[in-house]
Protein backbone atom coordinates (compact mmCIF):
# COMPACT_ATOMS: atom_id res chain seq x y z
CA MET A 1 0.00 0.00 0.00
CA ARG A 2 2.84 2.34 0.92
CA SER A 3 4.53 1.68 -2.45
CA LEU A 4 1.27 2.45 -4.27
CA VAL A 5 0.91 5.79 -2.46
CA LEU A 6 4.53 6.61 -3.26
CA ALA A 7 4.00 5.77 -6.92
CA VAL A 8 0.95 8.02 -7.12
CA ALA A 9 2.84 10.85 -5.45
CA LEU A 10 5.77 10.51 -7.82
CA ALA A 11 3.42 10.50 -10.80
CA ALA A 12 1.82 13.71 -9.57
CA VAL A 13 5.23 15.35 -9.25
CA ALA A 14 6.32 14.12 -12.68
CA ALA A 15 3.15 15.19 -14.51
CA PRO A 16 4.03 18.87 -14.99
CA ALA A 17 7.39 17.92 -16.54
CA GLN A 18 5.57 16.02 -19.27
CA ALA A 19 4.05 19.28 -20.44
CA GLN A 20 7.46 20.87 -21.10
CA LEU A 21 9.13 21.13 -24.50
CA SER A 22 11.38 18.35 -25.72
CA THR A 23 14.79 17.98 -24.08
CA PRO A 24 17.34 20.37 -25.64
CA ASN A 25 20.17 18.94 -27.73
CA ALA A 26 23.86 19.32 -26.87
CA ALA A 27 23.79 22.87 -28.26
CA GLY A 28 20.91 23.78 -25.92
CA VAL A 29 18.32 23.90 -28.72
CA THR A 30 14.88 22.33 -29.09
CA TYR A 31 11.83 23.10 -31.18
CA GLY A 32 9.60 25.74 -29.60
CA HIS A 33 6.53 27.07 -31.37
CA MET A 34 4.50 28.00 -34.43
CA HIS A 35 3.25 31.58 -34.63
CA LEU A 36 0.12 32.17 -36.70
CA THR A 37 -1.42 35.35 -38.07
CA VAL A 38 -5.17 34.69 -38.14
CA ALA A 39 -8.42 36.62 -38.36
CA ASP A 40 -9.93 34.93 -35.30
CA PRO A 41 -7.59 33.16 -32.87
CA GLU A 42 -10.55 31.59 -31.04
CA VAL A 43 -11.48 29.61 -34.15
CA HIS A 44 -8.01 28.07 -34.32
CA LYS A 45 -7.85 27.48 -30.58
CA LYS A 46 -11.09 25.51 -30.86
CA THR A 47 -9.55 23.24 -33.50
CA LEU A 48 -6.26 22.77 -31.68
CA THR A 49 -7.94 21.94 -28.37
CA GLU A 50 -11.05 19.99 -29.41
CA VAL A 51 -9.58 18.08 -32.36
CA PHE A 52 -5.91 17.76 -31.40
CA GLY A 53 -6.10 17.85 -27.60
CA GLY A 54 -4.04 20.96 -26.89
CA THR A 55 -4.46 23.08 -23.76
CA VAL A 56 -5.04 26.83 -23.71
CA VAL A 57 -2.56 28.68 -21.50
CA GLN A 58 -3.20 32.29 -20.50
CA ARG A 59 -0.33 34.62 -19.59
CA GLY A 60 -1.60 38.13 -19.02
CA THR A 61 -3.26 39.25 -22.23
CA THR A 62 -1.55 36.50 -24.24
CA SER A 63 -3.15 33.11 -24.79
CA LEU A 64 -1.59 30.19 -26.58
CA VAL A 65 -2.20 26.49 -27.13
CA LYS A 66 0.22 24.10 -25.51
CA PHE A 67 1.22 20.59 -26.50
CA PRO A 68 3.91 18.44 -24.83
CA ASN A 69 6.52 19.31 -27.49
CA MET A 70 5.28 22.51 -29.16
CA LEU A 71 3.30 25.66 -28.48
CA VAL A 72 1.09 27.50 -30.96
CA MET A 73 0.82 31.28 -30.63
CA PHE A 74 -1.39 33.78 -32.43
CA ARG A 75 -1.41 37.32 -33.73
CA GLN A 76 -4.84 38.60 -34.66
CA GLY A 77 -4.85 40.11 -38.13
CA THR A 78 -5.45 39.41 -41.79
CA PRO A 79 -2.72 37.15 -43.20
CA SER A 80 -1.35 38.10 -46.60
CA GLY A 81 -1.91 34.55 -47.85
CA PRO A 82 -2.15 30.85 -46.98
CA SER A 83 0.71 28.64 -45.86
CA GLN A 84 0.81 26.87 -49.23
CA GLY A 85 2.93 28.92 -51.57
CA THR A 86 5.40 29.77 -48.80
CA VAL A 87 8.47 27.79 -47.86
CA MET A 88 6.68 26.69 -44.64
CA ASP A 89 3.93 24.74 -46.35
CA HIS A 90 2.36 23.08 -43.30
CA PHE A 91 2.89 21.46 -39.94
CA GLY A 92 1.65 18.05 -38.93
CA PHE A 93 0.26 15.92 -36.12
CA LYS A 94 0.23 12.26 -35.29
CA VAL A 95 -3.35 11.32 -34.41
CA LYS A 96 -4.71 8.28 -32.62
CA SER A 97 -7.70 7.88 -34.97
CA MET A 98 -7.72 9.23 -38.50
CA PRO A 99 -11.48 8.66 -39.02
CA ASP A 100 -12.31 10.53 -35.80
CA THR A 101 -9.93 13.37 -36.66
CA LEU A 102 -11.26 13.83 -40.18
CA ALA A 103 -14.86 13.73 -38.97
CA ALA A 104 -14.09 16.42 -36.39
CA LEU A 105 -12.33 18.61 -38.95
CA ARG A 106 -15.16 18.25 -41.45
CA ALA A 107 -17.60 19.28 -38.73
CA LEU A 108 -15.55 22.48 -38.36
CA LYS A 109 -15.77 23.07 -42.15
CA TYR A 110 -12.16 22.15 -42.92
CA GLU A 111 -11.46 21.05 -46.48
CA ILE A 112 -9.87 17.60 -46.57
CA GLN A 113 -7.50 18.04 -49.50
CA SER A 114 -6.30 14.45 -49.80
CA GLU A 115 -6.09 11.11 -48.01
CA PHE A 116 -3.16 8.81 -48.73
CA THR A 117 -0.66 6.34 -47.29
CA GLY A 118 2.24 8.27 -45.81
CA ALA A 119 5.97 7.64 -45.79
CA GLU A 120 5.68 5.48 -42.67
CA GLY A 121 3.00 3.28 -44.26
CA PHE A 122 0.08 4.63 -42.21
CA PRO A 123 -3.00 6.67 -43.20
CA ASN A 124 -2.20 10.34 -43.80
CA ALA A 125 -4.30 13.32 -44.82
CA TYR A 126 -4.01 17.03 -45.58
CA ALA A 127 -6.60 19.51 -44.35
CA LEU A 128 -7.06 23.17 -45.20
CA GLY A 129 -8.57 25.38 -42.53
CA PRO A 130 -9.43 29.01 -41.86
CA ASP A 131 -6.97 31.64 -43.15
CA GLY A 132 -5.47 29.00 -45.45
CA LEU A 133 -3.69 27.09 -42.69
CA ARG A 134 -2.63 23.70 -44.00
CA LEU A 135 -2.28 20.77 -41.59
CA GLU A 136 -1.13 17.19 -42.10
CA MET A 137 -2.26 14.23 -40.04
CA GLN A 138 -0.68 10.80 -39.70
CA GLU A 139 -2.44 7.99 -37.87
CA ASP A 140 -0.64 6.31 -34.97
CA LYS A 141 -2.98 4.02 -33.07
CA THR A 142 -0.38 3.49 -30.33
CA LEU A 143 -0.66 7.09 -29.09
CA ALA A 144 -1.86 7.51 -25.51
CA ALA A 145 -3.06 11.04 -26.31
CA LYS A 146 -5.58 12.13 -28.94
CA ALA A 147 -2.79 13.75 -30.96
CA ILE A 148 0.71 15.17 -30.71
CA PRO A 149 2.67 17.54 -33.00
CA ASN A 150 4.89 15.52 -35.29
CA HIS A 151 6.64 17.71 -37.85
CA ILE A 152 7.02 20.99 -39.70
CA HIS A 153 7.50 20.86 -43.45
CA PHE A 154 9.58 23.16 -45.64
CA GLN A 155 9.13 23.16 -49.41
CA THR A 156 11.71 24.91 -51.59
CA PRO A 157 13.85 24.10 -54.65
CA ASP A 158 16.92 24.47 -52.40
CA PHE A 159 15.64 22.01 -49.80
CA GLU A 160 18.89 20.04 -49.44
CA LYS A 161 20.96 23.18 -48.87
CA LEU A 162 18.34 24.43 -46.43
CA LEU A 163 18.48 21.16 -44.46
CA ASP A 164 22.27 21.51 -44.19
CA TRP A 165 21.85 25.11 -43.01
CA TYR A 166 19.49 24.02 -40.19
CA VAL A 167 21.88 21.25 -39.16
CA SER A 168 24.75 23.75 -39.03
CA THR A 169 22.77 26.54 -37.35
CA PHE A 170 20.78 24.61 -34.74
CA SER A 171 22.84 21.40 -34.39
CA VAL A 172 19.74 19.35 -35.23
CA VAL A 173 20.45 15.75 -36.17
CA LYS A 174 19.84 14.46 -39.68
CA ARG A 175 17.58 11.43 -39.48
CA ALA A 176 15.34 9.90 -42.14
CA ARG A 177 11.60 9.86 -41.47
CA ALA A 178 10.77 6.47 -42.99
CA THR A 179 11.29 6.92 -46.76
CA ILE A 180 11.83 10.69 -46.47
CA GLN A 181 15.60 11.13 -46.32
CA SER A 182 15.81 14.93 -46.08
CA THR A 183 14.73 15.41 -42.47
CA ALA A 184 16.22 16.24 -39.08
CA GLU A 185 15.09 15.99 -35.46
CA ALA A 186 14.70 18.96 -33.10
CA GLY A 187 13.70 17.24 -29.90
CA THR A 188 10.62 15.15 -30.73
CA VAL A 189 9.59 17.48 -33.57
CA ASN A 190 10.74 16.38 -37.02
CA ILE A 191 11.86 19.04 -39.50
CA SER A 192 11.17 17.82 -43.04
CA PHE A 193 12.45 19.36 -46.27
CA ALA A 194 11.06 18.73 -49.75
CA ASN A 195 11.35 20.13 -53.25
CA SER A 196 8.85 22.67 -54.52
CA ARG A 197 8.15 22.58 -58.23
CA THR A 198 6.76 26.11 -58.12
CA PRO A 199 8.26 29.32 -56.71
CA VAL A 200 7.71 29.93 -52.99
CA VAL A 201 7.88 33.08 -50.87
CA GLY A 202 8.93 33.86 -47.32
CA THR A 203 6.65 33.40 -44.37
CA ARG A 204 6.43 36.85 -42.81
CA GLY A 205 2.84 38.11 -42.91
CA ARG A 206 1.38 34.79 -44.05
CA VAL A 207 -0.81 32.57 -41.89
CA ILE A 208 2.31 30.76 -40.62
CA ASP A 209 4.17 33.98 -39.91
CA HIS A 210 7.18 32.42 -38.23
CA ILE A 211 8.53 29.38 -36.47
CA GLY A 212 10.37 29.28 -33.15
CA PHE A 213 13.29 27.52 -31.51
CA GLU A 214 13.87 27.50 -27.75
CA VAL A 215 17.51 27.97 -26.69
CA ASP A 216 19.13 27.69 -23.28
CA ASN A 217 21.21 30.88 -23.55
CA ILE A 218 19.81 33.28 -26.13
CA ASP A 219 22.50 35.93 -25.70
CA ALA A 220 25.30 33.46 -26.38
CA PHE A 221 23.37 31.83 -29.22
CA VAL A 222 22.77 35.16 -31.00
CA LYS A 223 26.47 35.98 -30.71
CA GLN A 224 27.25 32.64 -32.37
CA LEU A 225 24.86 33.47 -35.22
CA GLU A 226 26.42 36.88 -35.73
CA ALA A 227 29.89 35.31 -35.75
CA LYS A 228 28.68 33.12 -38.64
CA GLY A 229 27.60 36.24 -40.54
CA ILE A 230 23.87 35.74 -39.93
CA LYS A 231 21.94 39.02 -39.78
CA ILE A 232 19.73 39.48 -36.73
CA ASP A 233 16.47 41.20 -37.67
CA ALA A 234 15.46 42.04 -34.09
CA PRO A 235 18.04 41.85 -31.27
CA VAL A 236 17.51 40.14 -27.95
CA ARG A 237 14.87 41.77 -25.77
CA GLU A 238 12.88 40.75 -22.73
CA VAL A 239 9.11 40.17 -22.65
CA PRO A 240 8.35 40.45 -18.92
CA ALA A 241 4.66 39.52 -19.29
CA LEU A 242 5.69 36.10 -20.60
CA GLY A 243 8.98 35.73 -18.76
CA LEU A 244 10.81 35.37 -22.06
CA LYS A 245 13.81 36.68 -23.91
CA ILE A 246 13.31 36.74 -27.69
CA ALA A 247 15.16 37.61 -30.91
CA PHE A 248 14.36 37.25 -34.62
CA PHE A 249 16.25 36.43 -37.80
CA THR A 250 15.48 34.99 -41.24
CA ASP A 251 16.74 31.76 -42.79
CA PRO A 252 18.12 31.63 -46.37
CA SER A 253 14.70 30.59 -47.74
CA GLY A 254 12.80 33.52 -46.22
CA THR A 255 11.38 31.69 -43.22
CA TYR A 256 11.13 34.09 -40.29
CA ILE A 257 12.52 32.54 -37.10
CA GLU A 258 12.03 33.51 -33.48
CA LEU A 259 14.47 32.46 -30.81
CA THR A 260 13.12 32.20 -27.28
CA GLU A 261 14.57 31.59 -23.85
CA GLY A 262 12.03 30.64 -21.19
CA LEU A 263 9.25 29.24 -23.38
CA ASP A 264 9.71 25.81 -21.82
CA LYS A 265 8.49 27.27 -18.51
CA LEU A 266 5.08 28.40 -19.82
């Protein structure tokens, strides 16, 4: 009986840790967040919580949706275009039940663009939602949760060079995702790179405005970037309301990137 009580107590202590971002790599980097520009954040929060099982977190006037390995943030506004047509084409989830997920998305008026067998051999689908936000789902019946973020997906003619740039810049590890060879791991979030047969534009102002990486020491990390000749668009500053330090720069493809320090504590 005593051992059972101890086990329950330990589980209660361990539970909050499960809600943190993935463990940083040796360079102190892990994947952090997606930042969306959308007409109505509440519409997207409804999808991310009801369909994909995220949790809304409120910090002052800022609300975001939290998953165990990624956060989704919002800026209310009119995006200049959908995610398709930019280098950051979509981001994706593993879902426990594809039929349940698609039924829930259809009920919210999402367009199911295609259903197919994915690289891992399991059912996959693309869905297009409000503001032109494109999402991918992959079924994984072994999941304990309803869903979990799985990957972000770049599409650009220079995808192999871009992959190498992310490996060099963030010390992410190249690792194939089933038959997709051009991918890397940033914690438990996969970063996939594919060719685009049509021209693509940068992300800033689009529905996926920017992506984010969490770093252990943002001041030191920014200095490393500058030493490599990378231009910093917005220098390190503090956001007291969120307990964060942040900085911005742009990758060679035009993807806007936010660095954060402290996001794993939200």
